[in-house]
Amino acid sequence: MNIVEKILARASGRKEVSPGEIVEAEVDMAMVNDITGPLAVEAFRKMGAEKVWDPEKIVVVLDHQVPAESVNSANLHKIMRAFADEQGIEKFYDVGVGGVCHQVMVEDGHVTPGSLIVGADSHTCTYGALGAFGTGIGSTEMAAVFATGKLWFRVPETFKIEVNGQLQKLITPKDLILYIVGMIKADGAIYKALEFTGETISNMSISGRMTLCNMAVEVGAKTGIVEADQKVLEYLKGRFESKSVLPSSDADAEYEKTFEIDASGLEPQVATPYSVDNVKPVSEVQGTPIDQAFLGSCTNGRLEDLELAARLIEGKRVHKNVRFIVQPASRKVYLEALRRGIIETFLRAGAYVGGPSCGPCFGGHIGVLGSGEVCISSSNRNFRGRMGAKDGKIYLASPATVAASAVKGEITDPRAMEV
């Protein structure tokens, strides 16, 4: 079996499973946020349930609309505060306490290798960076998990994505996953699992692996995953200590498809409106004027991302026609960025630095685009109307490309900048 099948077999109490089978699996951890949580609570009540199956295995994070910008969002926050208090859920992250849910889940030790984690958010697949099976589910499904701790799954077929070669200077994991999304296409892996492997992945940081797994859902995948290795064990020190055997794919594991990629010649990639798989090399879109640049989100709001962007922007100024919005993915990232002087670099360059939240990525809180405006973003989606105006345009790119573009006022190859 491959690693995905092994995790589902373990969670369903079986020795082995095969793609296409339906299994009932026990959930190791469940997560909701301020948008999906209230709907899950409502469904939980309608089911007649009174107590969650295990308050220690539920995490609640307020991140999408924080601080509350309307009475409606404030009331949603109140619902989750009351539910957490009533149910004894101590893993509750209020405004200013945590940050973006997926970053908080990983950095606070709620994700462990070999675990089965469900989140009422589509980018729960991020947790595959630590060798976990993370997948997004609906709010009503989450209500069932709250009540029983179990959920049925169809065992997915798996695509093996083998990446070798060294990423060149200023080429990032975001460029790699955009290239992969453009290759597989938005509907090319519906309900499949993506297993990322190869020397490029082995050499990649945990942050980079999170970026890869985060965007697995953009090709329709059920999850994305990287086998846990020594880097993961080092990352987990002080967060979670596991003595269990790290799951890995068998040498004779079967895959529906295998993709082999040489990353050594990869150039910066940009997903152009209005589809994540509408990916082009930056050379084909450079020179496109922008009104806004956004650095942050569960895809690229980590310290590694902020540090890279700060190196490019240090000593320079944000273009006079550009709003550059920077939002660290968590309070911990924010604090470390402060300590290293990264936040000061952004502020001196003329960027707006906001608190840890989903920010402009969610599109209804801050950083909303006006009619016809263009944004280059390090986030994961560029659908029509995603950040505000329906005729606004979002280009997805790496933190390096976002920072370079913010300085130049147009989409720019970061390799053309002095670092």
Protein backbone atom coordinates (compact mmCIF):
# COMPACT_ATOMS: atom_id res chain seq x y z
CA MET A 1 0.00 0.00 0.00
CA ASN A 2 0.99 3.62 -0.36
CA ILE A 3 1.04 6.03 2.57
CA VAL A 4 -2.52 7.29 1.98
CA GLU A 5 -3.94 3.78 1.97
CA LYS A 6 -1.97 2.87 5.10
CA ILE A 7 -3.34 5.85 7.03
CA LEU A 8 -6.93 5.09 6.06
CA ALA A 9 -6.45 1.39 6.85
CA ARG A 10 -5.12 2.23 10.32
CA ALA A 11 -7.92 4.73 10.99
CA SER A 12 -10.61 2.24 9.94
CA GLY A 13 -9.15 -0.66 11.95
CA ARG A 14 -8.18 -2.71 8.92
CA LYS A 15 -4.96 -4.34 7.77
CA GLU A 16 -5.36 -3.10 4.22
CA VAL A 17 -7.64 -1.10 1.96
CA SER A 18 -7.87 -0.62 -1.79
CA PRO A 19 -8.76 2.40 -3.93
CA GLY A 20 -12.50 2.71 -4.44
CA GLU A 21 -13.45 1.04 -1.17
CA ILE A 22 -15.69 2.84 1.31
CA VAL A 23 -14.37 2.82 4.86
CA GLU A 24 -15.60 4.24 8.14
CA ALA A 25 -12.62 5.83 9.82
CA GLU A 26 -11.97 7.29 13.25
CA VAL A 27 -10.86 10.91 13.10
CA ASP A 28 -7.75 11.95 15.02
CA MET A 29 -8.40 15.70 14.95
CA ALA A 30 -11.12 18.03 13.65
CA MET A 31 -10.88 21.75 12.91
CA VAL A 32 -13.41 24.50 12.17
CA ASN A 33 -13.06 28.23 11.66
CA ASP A 34 -15.32 31.25 12.07
CA ILE A 35 -16.98 30.80 8.67
CA THR A 36 -17.66 27.05 8.69
CA GLY A 37 -17.91 26.52 12.45
CA PRO A 38 -21.28 28.20 13.06
CA LEU A 39 -22.88 26.08 10.31
CA ALA A 40 -21.43 22.94 11.89
CA VAL A 41 -22.77 23.98 15.29
CA GLU A 42 -26.21 24.59 13.80
CA ALA A 43 -26.25 21.15 12.16
CA PHE A 44 -24.96 19.58 15.40
CA ARG A 45 -27.95 21.06 17.25
CA LYS A 46 -30.43 19.94 14.60
CA MET A 47 -29.11 16.38 14.92
CA GLY A 48 -30.12 16.47 18.57
CA ALA A 49 -26.54 15.98 19.69
CA GLU A 50 -25.59 17.41 23.05
CA LYS A 51 -21.93 16.57 23.64
CA VAL A 52 -19.01 16.37 21.22
CA TRP A 53 -17.27 13.02 21.05
CA ASP A 54 -13.96 14.34 22.40
CA PRO A 55 -13.30 18.03 23.13
CA GLU A 56 -9.54 17.34 23.16
CA LYS A 57 -9.67 16.45 19.47
CA ILE A 58 -11.44 19.58 18.25
CA VAL A 59 -9.69 22.82 17.31
CA VAL A 60 -11.57 26.10 16.72
CA VAL A 61 -9.78 28.99 15.02
CA LEU A 62 -11.15 32.46 14.28
CA ASP A 63 -9.22 33.62 11.22
CA HIS A 64 -11.30 34.55 8.19
CA GLN A 65 -13.01 37.73 9.39
CA VAL A 66 -10.88 39.00 12.25
CA PRO A 67 -11.26 41.39 13.87
CA ALA A 68 -14.98 41.34 13.11
CA GLU A 69 -15.84 43.96 10.49
CA SER A 70 -19.62 43.63 10.80
CA VAL A 71 -22.33 42.72 13.26
CA ASN A 72 -22.84 39.47 11.35
CA SER A 73 -19.24 38.31 11.67
CA ALA A 74 -19.16 39.42 15.33
CA ASN A 75 -22.19 37.22 15.98
CA LEU A 76 -20.51 34.27 14.25
CA HIS A 77 -17.56 34.71 16.57
CA LYS A 78 -19.93 34.76 19.55
CA ILE A 79 -21.44 31.43 18.45
CA MET A 80 -18.03 29.75 18.39
CA ARG A 81 -16.93 31.23 21.72
CA ALA A 82 -20.12 29.99 23.37
CA PHE A 83 -19.84 26.53 21.77
CA ALA A 84 -16.21 26.10 22.80
CA ASP A 85 -17.05 27.13 26.36
CA GLU A 86 -20.11 24.87 26.55
CA GLN A 87 -18.26 21.83 25.17
CA GLY A 88 -15.02 22.32 27.06
CA ILE A 89 -12.99 22.84 23.88
CA GLU A 90 -9.72 24.29 25.12
CA LYS A 91 -8.00 24.40 21.72
CA PHE A 92 -9.79 27.64 20.90
CA TYR A 93 -7.91 30.43 19.11
CA ASP A 94 -9.64 33.78 19.43
CA VAL A 95 -8.83 37.00 17.58
CA GLY A 96 -5.13 37.80 17.90
CA VAL A 97 -4.28 34.52 19.63
CA GLY A 98 -3.51 32.20 16.72
CA GLY A 99 -3.68 33.16 13.08
CA VAL A 100 -4.66 31.34 9.90
CA CYS A 101 -6.14 27.97 10.90
CA HIS A 102 -3.82 25.76 8.84
CA GLN A 103 -0.68 27.48 10.06
CA VAL A 104 -1.86 27.24 13.67
CA MET A 105 -2.72 23.56 13.31
CA VAL A 106 0.77 22.69 12.09
CA GLU A 107 2.92 24.97 14.23
CA ASP A 108 1.05 24.22 17.48
CA GLY A 109 1.45 20.44 17.20
CA HIS A 110 -2.12 19.49 16.29
CA VAL A 111 -0.87 17.67 13.16
CA THR A 112 1.15 14.49 13.52
CA PRO A 113 2.54 11.98 10.99
CA GLY A 114 0.10 9.23 10.06
CA SER A 115 -2.93 10.96 11.57
CA LEU A 116 -6.32 11.46 9.92
CA ILE A 117 -7.45 15.07 10.20
CA VAL A 118 -10.59 16.70 8.85
CA GLY A 119 -11.20 20.41 8.64
CA ALA A 120 -14.21 22.38 7.52
CA ASP A 121 -11.99 24.24 5.07
CA SER A 122 -10.82 23.01 1.69
CA HIS A 123 -7.12 23.70 2.34
CA THR A 124 -6.93 21.23 5.21
CA CYS A 125 -4.80 19.20 2.78
CA THR A 126 -1.92 21.43 3.94
CA TYR A 127 -1.29 18.97 6.79
CA GLY A 128 0.13 16.43 4.37
CA ALA A 129 3.42 18.32 4.75
CA LEU A 130 3.91 16.41 8.02
CA GLY A 131 2.85 13.05 6.60
CA ALA A 132 -0.78 13.30 7.75
CA PHE A 133 -3.95 12.65 5.75
CA GLY A 134 -5.64 16.04 5.92
CA THR A 135 -8.80 16.76 3.98
CA GLY A 136 -11.53 19.35 3.83
CA ILE A 137 -15.14 18.43 4.57
CA GLY A 138 -18.48 20.25 4.69
CA SER A 139 -19.99 21.78 7.80
CA THR A 140 -22.75 19.16 8.04
CA GLU A 141 -20.17 16.40 7.76
CA MET A 142 -18.27 18.13 10.53
CA ALA A 143 -21.39 18.06 12.71
CA ALA A 144 -21.40 14.27 12.33
CA VAL A 145 -17.72 14.16 13.29
CA PHE A 146 -18.43 16.35 16.33
CA ALA A 147 -21.07 13.86 17.44
CA THR A 148 -19.39 10.53 16.61
CA GLY A 149 -15.69 11.07 15.88
CA LYS A 150 -16.11 9.05 12.70
CA LEU A 151 -16.67 9.68 9.01
CA TRP A 152 -16.85 7.55 5.90
CA PHE A 153 -14.28 7.93 3.15
CA ARG A 154 -13.81 6.52 -0.29
CA VAL A 155 -10.20 5.36 -0.51
CA PRO A 156 -8.71 7.58 -3.24
CA GLU A 157 -6.51 6.55 -6.10
CA THR A 158 -3.08 8.17 -5.80
CA PHE A 159 -0.96 10.17 -8.23
CA LYS A 160 2.76 10.04 -7.55
CA ILE A 161 4.45 13.38 -8.23
CA GLU A 162 8.20 12.73 -8.36
CA VAL A 163 10.28 15.90 -8.46
CA ASN A 164 14.05 15.94 -8.88
CA GLY A 165 16.60 18.66 -9.57
CA GLN A 166 17.53 21.77 -7.61
CA LEU A 167 15.28 24.83 -7.58
CA GLN A 168 17.32 27.78 -8.82
CA LYS A 169 17.76 31.12 -7.05
CA LEU A 170 14.43 32.89 -6.36
CA ILE A 171 12.46 29.87 -7.66
CA THR A 172 10.21 28.65 -4.86
CA PRO A 173 7.90 25.77 -3.94
CA LYS A 174 5.02 28.06 -4.97
CA ASP A 175 6.40 28.16 -8.51
CA LEU A 176 6.62 24.37 -8.47
CA ILE A 177 3.04 23.79 -7.33
CA LEU A 178 1.70 26.37 -9.79
CA TYR A 179 3.54 24.48 -12.54
CA ILE A 180 2.03 21.20 -11.32
CA VAL A 181 -1.49 22.68 -11.17
CA GLY A 182 -1.07 24.01 -14.70
CA MET A 183 0.07 20.58 -15.84
CA ILE A 184 -2.63 18.46 -14.15
CA LYS A 185 -5.42 21.07 -14.53
CA ALA A 186 -8.18 22.04 -12.11
CA ASP A 187 -10.26 18.92 -12.75
CA GLY A 188 -7.37 16.55 -13.40
CA ALA A 189 -7.21 14.86 -9.99
CA ILE A 190 -10.74 14.93 -8.60
CA TYR A 191 -10.90 12.80 -5.43
CA LYS A 192 -7.35 11.58 -5.97
CA ALA A 193 -4.45 11.80 -3.55
CA LEU A 194 -1.20 13.48 -4.58
CA GLU A 195 1.96 11.99 -3.09
CA PHE A 196 4.94 14.33 -3.53
CA THR A 197 8.31 12.60 -3.60
CA GLY A 198 11.83 12.91 -5.04
CA GLU A 199 15.05 14.69 -4.09
CA THR A 200 13.56 18.17 -4.58
CA ILE A 201 10.88 17.43 -2.01
CA SER A 202 13.38 15.84 0.40
CA ASN A 203 15.49 19.00 0.27
CA MET A 204 12.47 21.24 0.74
CA SER A 205 11.64 22.89 4.07
CA ILE A 206 8.47 22.08 6.01
CA SER A 207 7.17 25.50 4.97
CA GLY A 208 7.72 24.66 1.31
CA ARG A 209 6.03 21.29 1.67
CA MET A 210 3.05 23.03 3.25
CA THR A 211 2.77 25.23 0.17
CA LEU A 212 2.77 22.17 -2.10
CA CYS A 213 0.19 20.23 -0.11
CA ASN A 214 -1.96 23.33 0.42
CA MET A 215 -2.70 23.63 -3.28
CA ALA A 216 -3.38 19.93 -3.93
CA VAL A 217 -7.08 20.76 -3.71
CA GLU A 218 -6.71 23.16 -6.64
CA VAL A 219 -6.55 20.15 -8.98
CA GLY A 220 -9.52 18.57 -7.21
CA ALA A 221 -7.44 16.26 -5.04
CA LYS A 222 -8.75 14.82 -1.77
CA THR A 223 -5.37 15.32 -0.15
CA GLY A 224 -1.70 16.02 -0.80
CA ILE A 225 1.01 14.32 1.21
CA VAL A 226 4.76 14.02 1.73
CA GLU A 227 6.21 11.12 3.69
CA ALA A 228 7.42 12.26 7.10
CA ASP A 229 11.21 12.23 7.46
CA GLN A 230 13.90 13.48 9.84
CA LYS A 231 13.02 17.09 8.98
CA VAL A 232 9.48 16.49 10.21
CA LEU A 233 10.72 14.89 13.43
CA GLU A 234 13.01 17.88 14.02
CA TYR A 235 10.12 20.26 13.36
CA LEU A 236 7.89 18.41 15.83
CA LYS A 237 10.40 18.61 18.68
CA GLY A 238 8.83 20.70 21.40
CA ARG A 239 5.47 20.47 19.66
CA PHE A 240 4.73 16.75 19.73
CA GLU A 241 6.85 13.71 20.49
CA SER A 242 5.90 10.54 18.62
CA LYS A 243 7.41 7.12 19.21
CA SER A 244 5.26 5.49 16.56
CA VAL A 245 6.68 4.23 13.29
CA LEU A 246 6.41 6.86 10.56
CA PRO A 247 4.14 5.58 7.78
CA SER A 248 5.66 5.32 4.33
CA SER A 249 4.69 3.87 0.99
CA ASP A 250 5.77 0.33 0.23
CA ALA A 251 8.36 -0.13 -2.50
CA ASP A 252 5.77 -1.99 -4.58
CA ALA A 253 2.90 0.43 -3.87
CA GLU A 254 0.60 1.05 -6.82
CA TYR A 255 -0.27 4.45 -8.27
CA GLU A 256 -2.87 5.42 -10.84
CA LYS A 257 -0.43 7.84 -12.48
CA THR A 258 3.16 8.91 -12.03
CA PHE A 259 4.45 12.34 -13.03
CA GLU A 260 8.20 12.99 -13.27
CA ILE A 261 9.34 16.60 -13.07
CA ASP A 262 12.80 18.13 -13.43
CA ALA A 263 12.70 21.26 -11.28
CA SER A 264 16.16 22.51 -12.22
CA GLY A 265 14.93 24.47 -15.26
CA LEU A 266 11.78 25.87 -13.68
CA GLU A 267 11.20 29.62 -13.97
CA PRO A 268 8.79 31.80 -11.98
CA GLN A 269 5.18 30.82 -12.62
CA VAL A 270 2.00 32.93 -12.55
CA ALA A 271 -1.62 31.74 -12.53
CA THR A 272 -3.62 34.24 -14.58
CA PRO A 273 -7.33 35.13 -14.25
CA TYR A 274 -9.73 33.54 -13.74
CA SER A 275 -8.52 30.01 -13.07
CA VAL A 276 -5.79 28.55 -10.88
CA ASP A 277 -4.69 26.23 -13.69
CA ASN A 278 -4.31 29.06 -16.20
CA VAL A 279 -0.58 29.06 -15.48
CA LYS A 280 2.08 30.81 -17.53
CA PRO A 281 5.79 31.59 -17.11
CA VAL A 282 6.26 35.08 -15.71
CA SER A 283 7.91 36.09 -19.00
CA GLU A 284 4.51 35.88 -20.71
CA VAL A 285 2.74 38.25 -18.30
CA GLN A 286 5.50 40.56 -17.06
CA GLY A 287 4.75 44.22 -17.53
CA THR A 288 1.08 43.83 -16.55
CA PRO A 289 0.26 46.86 -14.33
CA ILE A 290 -1.01 46.08 -10.82
CA ASP A 291 -2.98 48.04 -8.22
CA GLN A 292 -2.40 45.74 -5.27
CA ALA A 293 0.05 43.10 -4.07
CA PHE A 294 -0.77 40.65 -1.29
CA LEU A 295 1.72 38.58 0.69
CA GLY A 296 0.18 36.13 3.14
CA SER A 297 -2.48 33.39 3.43
CA CYS A 298 -2.27 29.70 4.37
CA THR A 299 -0.22 29.20 1.19
CA ASN A 300 2.57 31.74 1.66
CA GLY A 301 2.31 33.69 4.90
CA ARG A 302 5.06 31.84 6.75
CA LEU A 303 8.36 33.22 8.02
CA GLU A 304 10.30 31.77 5.08
CA ASP A 305 7.97 33.61 2.68
CA LEU A 306 8.14 36.94 4.52
CA GLU A 307 11.91 36.71 4.81
CA LEU A 308 12.35 36.13 1.08
CA ALA A 309 10.06 39.03 0.16
CA ALA A 310 11.80 41.32 2.67
CA ARG A 311 15.19 40.56 1.11
CA LEU A 312 13.88 41.69 -2.26
CA ILE A 313 12.21 44.84 -0.98
CA GLU A 314 14.83 45.99 1.52
CA GLY A 315 16.07 49.50 0.80
CA LYS A 316 13.43 50.01 -1.88
CA ARG A 317 9.97 51.58 -1.97
CA VAL A 318 6.60 50.15 -2.91
CA HIS A 319 5.49 51.69 -6.21
CA LYS A 320 3.33 54.79 -5.77
CA ASN A 321 0.42 53.17 -7.61
CA VAL A 322 0.46 49.95 -5.56
CA ARG A 323 -1.04 48.94 -2.23
CA PHE A 324 1.21 46.25 -0.76
CA ILE A 325 -0.60 44.28 1.96
CA VAL A 326 1.42 41.90 4.14
CA GLN A 327 -0.22 39.59 6.67
CA PRO A 328 1.79 37.00 8.61
CA ALA A 329 0.08 33.62 8.85
CA SER A 330 0.19 33.47 12.64
CA ARG A 331 1.06 35.41 15.78
CA LYS A 332 4.19 33.30 16.16
CA VAL A 333 5.29 34.14 12.62
CA TYR A 334 4.52 37.82 13.27
CA LEU A 335 6.58 37.88 16.48
CA GLU A 336 9.58 36.22 14.86
CA ALA A 337 9.31 38.56 11.85
CA LEU A 338 9.32 41.47 14.29
CA ARG A 339 12.38 40.11 16.08
CA ARG A 340 14.29 39.74 12.81
CA GLY A 341 13.39 43.23 11.57
CA ILE A 342 11.31 41.87 8.68
CA ILE A 343 8.19 43.81 9.67
CA GLU A 344 10.20 47.03 9.90
CA THR A 345 11.59 46.40 6.40
CA PHE A 346 8.07 46.16 5.00
CA LEU A 347 6.86 49.25 6.85
CA ARG A 348 9.83 51.35 5.76
CA ALA A 349 9.18 50.28 2.17
CA GLY A 350 5.61 51.57 2.38
CA ALA A 351 3.72 48.30 2.85
CA TYR A 352 0.67 47.87 5.06
CA VAL A 353 1.27 45.11 7.62
CA GLY A 354 -1.87 43.62 9.11
CA GLY A 355 -2.48 41.19 11.93
CA PRO A 356 -2.41 37.43 11.42
CA SER A 357 -5.56 36.44 9.50
CA CYS A 358 -6.72 35.25 6.09
CA GLY A 359 -6.90 38.89 5.03
CA PRO A 360 -7.50 39.71 1.34
CA CYS A 361 -7.47 36.01 0.37
CA PHE A 362 -10.99 35.60 1.74
CA GLY A 363 -12.13 38.66 -0.14
CA GLY A 364 -14.76 40.06 2.19
CA HIS A 365 -12.80 41.62 4.99
CA ILE A 366 -9.85 43.80 4.00
CA GLY A 367 -7.90 44.42 0.81
CA VAL A 368 -11.03 44.26 -1.34
CA LEU A 369 -10.47 45.01 -5.02
CA GLY A 370 -12.41 47.76 -6.76
CA SER A 371 -13.89 47.42 -10.22
CA GLY A 372 -11.26 46.52 -12.80
CA GLU A 373 -8.38 46.48 -10.32
CA VAL A 374 -5.50 44.00 -10.54
CA CYS A 375 -3.83 42.18 -7.66
CA ILE A 376 -0.82 39.91 -7.62
CA SER A 377 -1.20 37.54 -4.70
CA SER A 378 0.71 34.78 -2.92
CA SER A 379 -2.60 33.09 -2.05
CA ASN A 380 -4.18 30.05 -3.71
CA ARG A 381 -7.27 31.12 -5.65
CA ASN A 382 -8.00 33.65 -8.36
CA PHE A 383 -11.64 32.96 -9.21
CA ARG A 384 -13.79 35.79 -10.51
CA GLY A 385 -14.88 37.97 -7.60
CA ARG A 386 -12.60 36.21 -5.10
CA MET A 387 -11.21 39.48 -3.69
CA GLY A 388 -14.12 41.77 -4.32
CA ALA A 389 -15.20 43.24 -7.66
CA LYS A 390 -16.28 40.62 -10.18
CA ASP A 391 -14.18 42.25 -12.87
CA GLY A 392 -11.15 42.47 -10.62
CA LYS A 393 -8.20 40.33 -11.68
CA ILE A 394 -5.99 38.19 -9.44
CA TYR A 395 -2.64 36.80 -10.54
CA LEU A 396 -1.18 34.11 -8.27
CA ALA A 397 2.56 34.00 -7.80
CA SER A 398 5.39 33.31 -5.37
CA PRO A 399 6.34 35.66 -2.51
CA ALA A 400 9.41 36.69 -4.54
CA THR A 401 7.34 37.62 -7.59
CA VAL A 402 4.78 39.45 -5.44
CA ALA A 403 7.46 41.54 -3.72
CA ALA A 404 9.27 42.38 -6.97
CA SER A 405 6.00 43.36 -8.60
CA ALA A 406 5.03 45.58 -5.64
CA VAL A 407 8.22 47.59 -6.16
CA LYS A 408 7.99 47.83 -9.94
CA GLY A 409 4.23 48.48 -10.12
CA GLU A 410 3.82 45.71 -12.66
CA ILE A 411 4.22 41.94 -12.77
CA THR A 412 7.96 41.41 -12.59
CA ASP A 413 10.40 38.50 -12.76
CA PRO A 414 12.06 38.59 -9.32
CA ARG A 415 15.33 37.45 -10.86
CA ALA A 416 15.61 40.90 -12.43
CA MET A 417 15.80 42.50 -8.96
CA GLU A 418 18.98 43.16 -7.03
CA VAL A 419 19.08 41.06 -3.86
